PDB file of N, CA and C in Angstrom:
ATOM      1  N   UNK A   1      97.565 149.911 145.925  1.00  0.00           N
ATOM      2  CA  UNK A   1      98.193 148.829 145.476  1.00  0.00           C
ATOM      3  C   UNK A   1      98.138 147.634 146.263  1.00  0.00           C
ATOM      4  N   UNK A   2      97.773 146.536 145.490  1.00  0.00           N
ATOM      5  CA  UNK A   2      97.603 145.195 146.478  1.00  0.00           C
ATOM      6  C   UNK A   2      98.765 144.569 146.632  1.00  0.00           C
ATOM      7  N   UNK A   3      98.991 144.000 147.835  1.00  0.00           N
ATOM      8  CA  UNK A   3     100.260 143.265 148.067  1.00  0.00           C
ATOM      9  C   UNK A   3     100.023 141.841 147.818  1.00  0.00           C
ATOM     10  N   UNK A   4     101.113 141.204 147.459  1.00  0.00           N
ATOM     11  CA  UNK A   4     101.164 139.885 147.034  1.00  0.00           C
ATOM     12  C   UNK A   4     101.329 139.025 148.317  1.00  0.00           C
ATOM     13  N   UNK A   5     100.421 138.030 148.528  1.00  0.00           N
ATOM     14  CA  UNK A   5     100.719 137.171 149.729  1.00  0.00           C
ATOM     15  C   UNK A   5     100.980 135.669 149.300  1.00  0.00           C
ATOM     16  N   UNK A   6     101.344 134.957 150.178  1.00  0.00           N
ATOM     17  CA  UNK A   6     101.540 133.534 149.824  1.00  0.00           C
ATOM     18  C   UNK A   6     100.221 132.686 150.105  1.00  0.00           C
ATOM     19  N   UNK A   7     100.124 131.798 149.358  1.00  0.00           N
ATOM     20  CA  UNK A   7      98.988 130.866 149.423  1.00  0.00           C
ATOM     21  C   UNK A   7      99.520 129.478 149.479  1.00  0.00           C
ATOM     22  N   UNK A   8      99.056 128.596 150.305  1.00  0.00           N
ATOM     23  CA  UNK A   8      99.587 127.328 150.368  1.00  0.00           C
ATOM     24  C   UNK A   8      99.116 126.550 149.121  1.00  0.00           C
ATOM     25  N   UNK A   9     100.015 125.588 148.807  1.00  0.00           N
ATOM     26  CA  UNK A   9      99.645 124.867 147.556  1.00  0.00           C
ATOM     27  C   UNK A   9      98.541 123.714 148.013  1.00  0.00           C
ATOM     28  N   UNK A  10      97.695 123.347 147.078  1.00  0.00           N
ATOM     29  CA  UNK A  10      96.616 122.591 147.351  1.00  0.00           C
ATOM     30  C   UNK A  10      96.959 121.088 146.966  1.00  0.00           C
ATOM     31  N   UNK A  11      97.734 120.307 147.910  1.00  0.00           N
ATOM     32  CA  UNK A  11      98.266 119.069 147.544  1.00  0.00           C
ATOM     33  C   UNK A  11      97.138 118.002 147.178  1.00  0.00           C
ATOM     34  N   UNK A  12      95.976 118.271 147.698  1.00  0.00           N
ATOM     35  CA  UNK A  12      94.855 117.147 147.452  1.00  0.00           C
ATOM     36  C   UNK A  12      94.409 117.439 146.083  1.00  0.00           C
ATOM     37  N   UNK A  13      94.615 118.575 145.483  1.00  0.00           N
ATOM     38  CA  UNK A  13      94.084 118.798 144.128  1.00  0.00           C
ATOM     39  C   UNK A  13      95.113 118.134 143.143  1.00  0.00           C
ATOM     40  N   UNK A  14      96.238 118.375 143.643  1.00  0.00           N
ATOM     41  CA  UNK A  14      97.435 117.719 142.635  1.00  0.00           C
ATOM     42  C   UNK A  14      97.357 116.079 142.804  1.00  0.00           C
ATOM     43  N   UNK A  15      96.989 115.648 143.848  1.00  0.00           N
ATOM     44  CA  UNK A  15      96.973 114.199 144.198  1.00  0.00           C
ATOM     45  C   UNK A  15      95.806 113.582 143.210  1.00  0.00           C
ATOM     46  N   UNK A  16      94.844 114.388 143.202  1.00  0.00           N
ATOM     47  CA  UNK A  16      93.571 113.847 142.256  1.00  0.00           C
ATOM     48  C   UNK A  16      94.025 113.962 140.845  1.00  0.00           C
ATOM     49  N   UNK A  17      94.816 114.726 140.412  1.00  0.00           N
ATOM     50  CA  UNK A  17      95.067 114.744 138.882  1.00  0.00           C
ATOM     51  C   UNK A  17      96.414 114.240 138.582  1.00  0.00           C
ATOM     52  N   UNK A  18      97.066 113.714 139.549  1.00  0.00           N
ATOM     53  CA  UNK A  18      98.520 113.204 139.342  1.00  0.00           C
ATOM     54  C   UNK A  18      98.458 112.090 138.425  1.00  0.00           C
ATOM     55  N   UNK A  19      97.580 111.040 138.569  1.00  0.00           N
ATOM     56  CA  UNK A  19      97.506 109.965 137.480  1.00  0.00           C
ATOM     57  C   UNK A  19      97.165 110.396 136.086  1.00  0.00           C
ATOM     58  N   UNK A  20      96.459 111.390 135.922  1.00  0.00           N
ATOM     59  CA  UNK A  20      96.146 111.950 134.675  1.00  0.00           C
ATOM     60  C   UNK A  20      97.285 112.689 134.081  1.00  0.00           C
ATOM     61  N   UNK A  21      98.039 113.367 134.869  1.00  0.00           N
ATOM     62  CA  UNK A  21      99.156 114.007 134.579  1.00  0.00           C
ATOM     63  C   UNK A  21     100.357 112.983 134.076  1.00  0.00           C
ATOM     64  N   UNK A  22     100.433 111.906 134.834  1.00  0.00           N
ATOM     65  CA  UNK A  22     101.484 110.888 134.455  1.00  0.00           C
ATOM     66  C   UNK A  22     101.029 110.218 133.254  1.00  0.00           C
ATOM     67  N   UNK A  23      99.842 109.840 133.052  1.00  0.00           N
ATOM     68  CA  UNK A  23      99.401 109.123 131.820  1.00  0.00           C
ATOM     69  C   UNK A  23      99.561 110.105 130.495  1.00  0.00           C
ATOM     70  N   UNK A  24      99.358 111.364 130.867  1.00  0.00           N
ATOM     71  CA  UNK A  24      99.545 112.202 129.517  1.00  0.00           C
ATOM     72  C   UNK A  24     101.060 112.342 129.236  1.00  0.00           C
ATOM     73  N   UNK A  25     101.894 112.495 130.198  1.00  0.00           N
ATOM     74  CA  UNK A  25     103.424 112.392 130.101  1.00  0.00           C
ATOM     75  C   UNK A  25     103.987 111.069 129.249  1.00  0.00           C
ATOM     76  N   UNK A  26     103.262 110.045 129.973  1.00  0.00           N
ATOM     77  CA  UNK A  26     103.720 108.652 129.265  1.00  0.00           C
ATOM     78  C   UNK A  26     103.181 108.608 127.848  1.00  0.00           C
ATOM     79  N   UNK A  27     102.096 108.858 127.578  1.00  0.00           N
ATOM     80  CA  UNK A  27     101.555 109.072 126.213  1.00  0.00           C
ATOM     81  C   UNK A  27     102.315 109.783 125.175  1.00  0.00           C
ATOM     82  N   UNK A  28     102.882 110.993 125.750  1.00  0.00           N
ATOM     83  CA  UNK A  28     103.812 111.907 124.747  1.00  0.00           C
ATOM     84  C   UNK A  28     105.071 111.045 124.529  1.00  0.00           C
ATOM     85  N   UNK A  29     105.598 110.466 125.468  1.00  0.00           N
ATOM     86  CA  UNK A  29     106.774 109.831 125.448  1.00  0.00           C
ATOM     87  C   UNK A  29     106.606 108.556 124.458  1.00  0.00           C
ATOM     88  N   UNK A  30     105.441 107.825 124.659  1.00  0.00           N
ATOM     89  CA  UNK A  30     105.271 106.650 123.695  1.00  0.00           C
ATOM     90  C   UNK A  30     105.051 107.297 122.317  1.00  0.00           C
ATOM     91  N   UNK A  31     104.366 108.295 121.924  1.00  0.00           N
ATOM     92  CA  UNK A  31     104.194 108.771 120.678  1.00  0.00           C
ATOM     93  C   UNK A  31     105.564 109.246 120.230  1.00  0.00           C
ATOM     94  N   UNK A  32     106.514 109.818 121.005  1.00  0.00           N
ATOM     95  CA  UNK A  32     107.941 110.260 120.528  1.00  0.00           C
ATOM     96  C   UNK A  32     108.575 108.934 120.128  1.00  0.00           C
ATOM     97  N   UNK A  33     108.555 107.993 120.807  1.00  0.00           N
ATOM     98  CA  UNK A  33     109.260 106.728 120.439  1.00  0.00           C
ATOM     99  C   UNK A  33     108.811 106.171 119.278  1.00  0.00           C
ATOM    100  N   UNK A  34     107.473 106.147 119.114  1.00  0.00           N
ATOM    101  CA  UNK A  34     106.869 105.552 117.946  1.00  0.00           C
ATOM    102  C   UNK A  34     107.277 106.316 116.689  1.00  0.00           C
ATOM    103  N   UNK A  35     107.396 107.659 116.859  1.00  0.00           N
ATOM    104  CA  UNK A  35     107.713 108.362 115.635  1.00  0.00           C
ATOM    105  C   UNK A  35     109.149 108.304 115.271  1.00  0.00           C
ATOM    106  N   UNK A  36     109.858 108.073 116.280  1.00  0.00           N
ATOM    107  CA  UNK A  36     111.389 107.705 116.246  1.00  0.00           C
ATOM    108  C   UNK A  36     111.496 106.452 115.391  1.00  0.00           C
ATOM    109  N   UNK A  37     110.825 105.510 115.722  1.00  0.00           N
ATOM    110  CA  UNK A  37     110.813 104.258 115.104  1.00  0.00           C
ATOM    111  C   UNK A  37     110.403 104.423 113.639  1.00  0.00           C
ATOM    112  N   UNK A  38     109.271 105.049 113.265  1.00  0.00           N
ATOM    113  CA  UNK A  38     108.862 105.134 111.988  1.00  0.00           C
ATOM    114  C   UNK A  38     109.862 106.109 111.171  1.00  0.00           C
ATOM    115  N   UNK A  39     110.418 107.079 111.712  1.00  0.00           N
ATOM    116  CA  UNK A  39     111.418 107.881 110.975  1.00  0.00           C
ATOM    117  C   UNK A  39     112.579 106.983 110.639  1.00  0.00           C
ATOM    118  N   UNK A  40     113.046 105.954 111.542  1.00  0.00           N
ATOM    119  CA  UNK A  40     114.142 105.131 111.240  1.00  0.00           C
ATOM    120  C   UNK A  40     113.755 104.222 110.374  1.00  0.00           C
ATOM    121  N   UNK A  41     112.574 103.684 110.184  1.00  0.00           N
ATOM    122  CA  UNK A  41     112.256 102.668 109.004  1.00  0.00           C
ATOM    123  C   UNK A  41     112.300 103.543 107.774  1.00  0.00           C
ATOM    124  N   UNK A  42     111.836 104.755 107.879  1.00  0.00           N
ATOM    125  CA  UNK A  42     111.754 105.552 106.544  1.00  0.00           C
ATOM    126  C   UNK A  42     113.120 105.840 106.052  1.00  0.00           C
ATOM    127  N   UNK A  43     114.118 106.129 106.996  1.00  0.00           N
ATOM    128  CA  UNK A  43     115.351 106.357 106.558  1.00  0.00           C
ATOM    129  C   UNK A  43     116.003 105.131 105.933  1.00  0.00           C
ATOM    130  N   UNK A  44     115.707 103.959 106.312  1.00  0.00           N
ATOM    131  CA  UNK A  44     116.402 102.630 105.770  1.00  0.00           C
ATOM    132  C   UNK A  44     115.605 102.235 104.553  1.00  0.00           C
ATOM    133  N   UNK A  45     114.312 102.647 104.544  1.00  0.00           N
ATOM    134  CA  UNK A  45     113.565 101.963 103.291  1.00  0.00           C
ATOM    135  C   UNK A  45     114.171 102.404 101.978  1.00  0.00           C
ATOM    136  N   UNK A  46     114.050 101.596 101.048  1.00  0.00           N
ATOM    137  CA  UNK A  46     114.388 102.012  99.772  1.00  0.00           C
ATOM    138  C   UNK A  46     113.036 101.832  98.873  1.00  0.00           C
ATOM    139  N   UNK A  47     112.684 103.042  98.548  1.00  0.00           N
ATOM    140  CA  UNK A  47     111.459 103.238  97.830  1.00  0.00           C
ATOM    141  C   UNK A  47     111.759 103.302  96.349  1.00  0.00           C
ATOM    142  N   UNK A  48     110.899 102.440  95.628  1.00  0.00           N
ATOM    143  CA  UNK A  48     111.061 102.512  94.188  1.00  0.00           C
ATOM    144  C   UNK A  48     109.653 102.925  93.616  1.00  0.00           C
ATOM    145  N   UNK A  49     109.505 104.128  92.973  1.00  0.00           N
ATOM    146  CA  UNK A  49     108.287 104.567  92.462  1.00  0.00           C
ATOM    147  C   UNK A  49     107.981 104.132  91.134  1.00  0.00           C
ATOM    148  N   UNK A  50     107.133 103.302  90.952  1.00  0.00           N
ATOM    149  CA  UNK A  50     106.852 102.605  89.711  1.00  0.00           C
ATOM    150  C   UNK A  50     105.438 102.941  89.196  1.00  0.00           C
ATOM    151  N   UNK A  51     104.986 104.181  89.687  1.00  0.00           N
ATOM    152  CA  UNK A  51     103.589 104.567  89.241  1.00  0.00           C
ATOM    153  C   UNK A  51     103.402 104.781  87.735  1.00  0.00           C
ATOM    154  N   UNK A  52     104.610 105.416  87.172  1.00  0.00           N
ATOM    155  CA  UNK A  52     104.622 105.690  85.717  1.00  0.00           C
ATOM    156  C   UNK A  52     104.366 104.421  84.971  1.00  0.00           C
ATOM    157  N   UNK A  53     105.003 103.387  85.357  1.00  0.00           N
ATOM    158  CA  UNK A  53     104.838 102.009  84.586  1.00  0.00           C
ATOM    159  C   UNK A  53     103.394 101.450  84.766  1.00  0.00           C
ATOM    160  N   UNK A  54     102.931 101.569  86.048  1.00  0.00           N
ATOM    161  CA  UNK A  54     101.543 101.129  86.312  1.00  0.00           C
ATOM    162  C   UNK A  54     100.476 101.948  85.394  1.00  0.00           C
ATOM    163  N   UNK A  55     100.739 103.169  85.418  1.00  0.00           N
ATOM    164  CA  UNK A  55      99.595 104.011  84.773  1.00  0.00           C
ATOM    165  C   UNK A  55      99.820 103.838  83.186  1.00  0.00           C
ATOM    166  N   UNK A  56     101.007 103.613  82.776  1.00  0.00           N
ATOM    167  CA  UNK A  56     101.217 103.456  81.277  1.00  0.00           C
ATOM    168  C   UNK A  56     100.472 102.088  80.888  1.00  0.00           C
ATOM    169  N   UNK A  57     100.825 101.091  81.680  1.00  0.00           N
ATOM    170  CA  UNK A  57     100.055  99.790  81.460  1.00  0.00           C
ATOM    171  C   UNK A  57      98.723  99.830  81.378  1.00  0.00           C
ATOM    172  N   UNK A  58      98.167 100.555  82.390  1.00  0.00           N
ATOM    173  CA  UNK A  58      96.835 100.816  82.530  1.00  0.00           C
ATOM    174  C   UNK A  58      96.161 101.458  81.369  1.00  0.00           C
ATOM    175  N   UNK A  59      96.783 102.524  80.789  1.00  0.00           N
ATOM    176  CA  UNK A  59      96.342 103.285  79.764  1.00  0.00           C
ATOM    177  C   UNK A  59      96.418 102.519  78.455  1.00  0.00           C
ATOM    178  N   UNK A  60      97.473 101.676  78.355  1.00  0.00           N
ATOM    179  CA  UNK A  60      97.697 100.671  77.139  1.00  0.00           C
ATOM    180  C   UNK A  60      96.528  99.782  77.172  1.00  0.00           C
ATOM    181  N   UNK A  61      96.099  99.177  78.344  1.00  0.00           N
ATOM    182  CA  UNK A  61      94.974  98.224  78.345  1.00  0.00           C
ATOM    183  C   UNK A  61      93.674  98.991  78.044  1.00  0.00           C
ATOM    184  N   UNK A  62      93.405 100.205  78.466  1.00  0.00           N
ATOM    185  CA  UNK A  62      92.405 100.945  78.163  1.00  0.00           C
ATOM    186  C   UNK A  62      92.284 101.131  76.640  1.00  0.00           C
ATOM    187  N   UNK A  63      93.279 101.647  76.062  1.00  0.00           N
ATOM    188  CA  UNK A  63      93.312 101.747  74.701  1.00  0.00           C
ATOM    189  C   UNK A  63      93.071 100.596  73.874  1.00  0.00           C
ATOM    190  N   UNK A  64      93.615  99.416  74.286  1.00  0.00           N
ATOM    191  CA  UNK A  64      93.251  98.342  73.480  1.00  0.00           C
ATOM    192  C   UNK A  64      91.846  97.771  73.754  1.00  0.00           C
ATOM    193  N   UNK A  65      91.231  97.883  74.779  1.00  0.00           N
ATOM    194  CA  UNK A  65      89.856  97.669  74.913  1.00  0.00           C
ATOM    195  C   UNK A  65      88.860  98.482  74.387  1.00  0.00           C
ATOM    196  N   UNK A  66      89.341  99.826  73.891  1.00  0.00           N
ATOM    197  CA  UNK A  66      88.368 100.651  73.234  1.00  0.00           C
ATOM    198  C   UNK A  66      88.208 100.432  71.677  1.00  0.00           C
TER     199      UNK A  66
END
């Protein structure tokens, strides 16, 4: 059976990727805030669906021109 040993952390490898890790985390936070903003806008928005009126008008125009 193999024994487990300790291995020192490679801090130089972490320093090399630290900026990429920070940017990745910041981008995730930005996306979450944008999503919260859009969700807030959707919650406050008053949507009136008038597609039936538009399609009815278009059908009547098509029938009149035929």
